[in-house]
Amino acid sequence: LDVAGWNRDPGAAVIQWDCHGGDNQRIKAANLGGNLVHMAFRHSGICMDIAGWGTQNGARLIQWNCHAGENQRFYLERVE
């Protein structure tokens, strides 16, 4: 995951990109209990968010000011 163009503004697109180790690809996950987390990008300090609270397949990912709403809560599952 990558914040396009290293953008720091709320609403910037989160995209798939080759790994390069930049802070726009580094994510700090905060545990909300169980396997639920919210995630903030290191370069901007703001959170990964499903745009417009979308629930449909293919909903856009953006970065947005952290508010811990349902559209910023993600379920992580360890796959081995």
C-alpha atoms as a PDB file:
ATOM      1  CA  LEU A   1       0.000   0.000   0.000  1.00  0.00           C
ATOM      2  CA  ASP A   2       1.200   3.487  -0.862  1.00  0.00           C
ATOM      3  CA  VAL A   3      -0.204   7.016  -0.501  1.00  0.00           C
ATOM      4  CA  ALA A   4      -0.010   8.301  -4.066  1.00  0.00           C
ATOM      5  CA  GLY A   5       2.624  10.951  -4.676  1.00  0.00           C
ATOM      6  CA  TRP A   6       3.578  11.151  -0.989  1.00  0.00           C
ATOM      7  CA  ASN A   7       0.505  13.371  -0.567  1.00  0.00           C
ATOM      8  CA  ARG A   8      -0.125  14.447   3.044  1.00  0.00           C
ATOM      9  CA  ASP A   9      -3.641  15.787   2.522  1.00  0.00           C
ATOM     10  CA  PRO A  10      -6.842  14.103   3.701  1.00  0.00           C
ATOM     11  CA  GLY A  11      -8.518  12.422   0.740  1.00  0.00           C
ATOM     12  CA  ALA A  12      -5.299  11.358  -0.989  1.00  0.00           C
ATOM     13  CA  ALA A  13      -5.588   8.012  -2.780  1.00  0.00           C
ATOM     14  CA  VAL A  14      -4.128   4.849  -1.282  1.00  0.00           C
ATOM     15  CA  ILE A  15      -2.844   2.701  -4.128  1.00  0.00           C
ATOM     16  CA  GLN A  16      -0.938  -0.482  -4.832  1.00  0.00           C
ATOM     17  CA  TRP A  17       2.709   0.280  -5.678  1.00  0.00           C
ATOM     18  CA  ASP A  18       6.099  -1.406  -5.770  1.00  0.00           C
ATOM     19  CA  CYS A  19       7.720  -1.523  -2.336  1.00  0.00           C
ATOM     20  CA  HIS A  20      10.380   1.149  -1.845  1.00  0.00           C
ATOM     21  CA  GLY A  21      10.361   1.551   1.951  1.00  0.00           C
ATOM     22  CA  GLY A  22       9.251   5.194   1.959  1.00  0.00           C
ATOM     23  CA  ASP A  23       7.259   6.611   4.847  1.00  0.00           C
ATOM     24  CA  ASN A  24       4.207   6.845   2.567  1.00  0.00           C
ATOM     25  CA  GLN A  25       4.238   3.018   2.643  1.00  0.00           C
ATOM     26  CA  ARG A  26       4.954   2.618   6.345  1.00  0.00           C
ATOM     27  CA  ILE A  27       1.897   2.046   8.484  1.00  0.00           C
ATOM     28  CA  LYS A  28       1.527   2.135  12.243  1.00  0.00           C
ATOM     29  CA  ALA A  29      -1.322  -0.122  13.358  1.00  0.00           C
ATOM     30  CA  ALA A  30      -3.123   0.546  16.647  1.00  0.00           C
ATOM     31  CA  ASN A  31      -4.987  -2.387  18.165  1.00  0.00           C
ATOM     32  CA  LEU A  32      -8.662  -1.716  18.843  1.00  0.00           C
ATOM     33  CA  GLY A  33      -9.216  -5.104  20.458  1.00  0.00           C
ATOM     34  CA  GLY A  34      -9.133  -8.586  19.016  1.00  0.00           C
ATOM     35  CA  ASN A  35      -7.916  -8.474  15.433  1.00  0.00           C
ATOM     36  CA  LEU A  36      -9.336  -4.985  14.755  1.00  0.00           C
ATOM     37  CA  VAL A  37      -6.863  -2.192  14.041  1.00  0.00           C
ATOM     38  CA  HIS A  38      -6.767   1.296  12.637  1.00  0.00           C
ATOM     39  CA  MET A  39      -3.730   2.252  10.617  1.00  0.00           C
ATOM     40  CA  ALA A  40      -1.913   5.565  10.222  1.00  0.00           C
ATOM     41  CA  PHE A  41       0.646   6.333   7.527  1.00  0.00           C
ATOM     42  CA  ARG A  42       3.997   7.425   8.912  1.00  0.00           C
ATOM     43  CA  HIS A  43       4.573  10.315   6.450  1.00  0.00           C
ATOM     44  CA  SER A  44       1.259  12.057   7.188  1.00  0.00           C
ATOM     45  CA  GLY A  45       0.150  10.690  10.558  1.00  0.00           C
ATOM     46  CA  ILE A  46      -3.395  10.240   9.260  1.00  0.00           C
ATOM     47  CA  CYS A  47      -5.391   7.059   8.859  1.00  0.00           C
ATOM     48  CA  MET A  48      -6.345   4.639   6.140  1.00  0.00           C
ATOM     49  CA  ASP A  49     -10.045   5.092   5.398  1.00  0.00           C
ATOM     50  CA  ILE A  50     -12.674   3.616   3.098  1.00  0.00           C
ATOM     51  CA  ALA A  51     -13.901   6.646   1.154  1.00  0.00           C
ATOM     52  CA  GLY A  52     -17.475   7.715   1.767  1.00  0.00           C
ATOM     53  CA  TRP A  53     -18.016   4.868   4.236  1.00  0.00           C
ATOM     54  CA  GLY A  54     -18.419   2.596   1.190  1.00  0.00           C
ATOM     55  CA  THR A  55     -19.403  -1.022   1.784  1.00  0.00           C
ATOM     56  CA  GLN A  56     -19.391  -2.275  -1.804  1.00  0.00           C
ATOM     57  CA  ASN A  57     -16.634  -4.333  -3.394  1.00  0.00           C
ATOM     58  CA  GLY A  58     -14.042  -2.041  -4.962  1.00  0.00           C
ATOM     59  CA  ALA A  59     -14.640   0.891  -2.583  1.00  0.00           C
ATOM     60  CA  ARG A  60     -11.743   3.358  -2.732  1.00  0.00           C
ATOM     61  CA  LEU A  61      -9.086   3.537  -0.024  1.00  0.00           C
ATOM     62  CA  ILE A  62      -7.878   6.999   0.982  1.00  0.00           C
ATOM     63  CA  GLN A  63      -6.078   8.575   3.900  1.00  0.00           C
ATOM     64  CA  TRP A  64      -8.239  10.717   6.178  1.00  0.00           C
ATOM     65  CA  ASN A  65      -8.062  12.349   9.591  1.00  0.00           C
ATOM     66  CA  CYS A  66      -8.246   9.634  12.246  1.00  0.00           C
ATOM     67  CA  HIS A  67     -11.656   9.281  13.902  1.00  0.00           C
ATOM     68  CA  ALA A  68     -11.794   5.495  14.572  1.00  0.00           C
ATOM     69  CA  GLY A  69     -15.116   5.176  12.719  1.00  0.00           C
ATOM     70  CA  GLU A  70     -16.181   1.861  11.239  1.00  0.00           C
ATOM     71  CA  ASN A  71     -14.659   2.819   7.886  1.00  0.00           C
ATOM     72  CA  GLN A  72     -11.241   3.102   9.553  1.00  0.00           C
ATOM     73  CA  ARG A  73     -11.387  -0.243  11.356  1.00  0.00           C
ATOM     74  CA  PHE A  74      -9.727  -3.148   9.629  1.00  0.00           C
ATOM     75  CA  TYR A  75      -9.637  -6.820  10.521  1.00  0.00           C
ATOM     76  CA  LEU A  76      -6.199  -8.401  10.299  1.00  0.00           C
ATOM     77  CA  GLU A  77      -5.803 -12.134  10.001  1.00  0.00           C
ATOM     78  CA  ARG A  78      -2.473 -13.903  10.140  1.00  0.00           C
ATOM     79  CA  VAL A  79      -1.997 -16.197   7.163  1.00  0.00           C
ATOM     80  CA  GLU A  80       0.734 -18.783   7.298  1.00  0.00           C
END
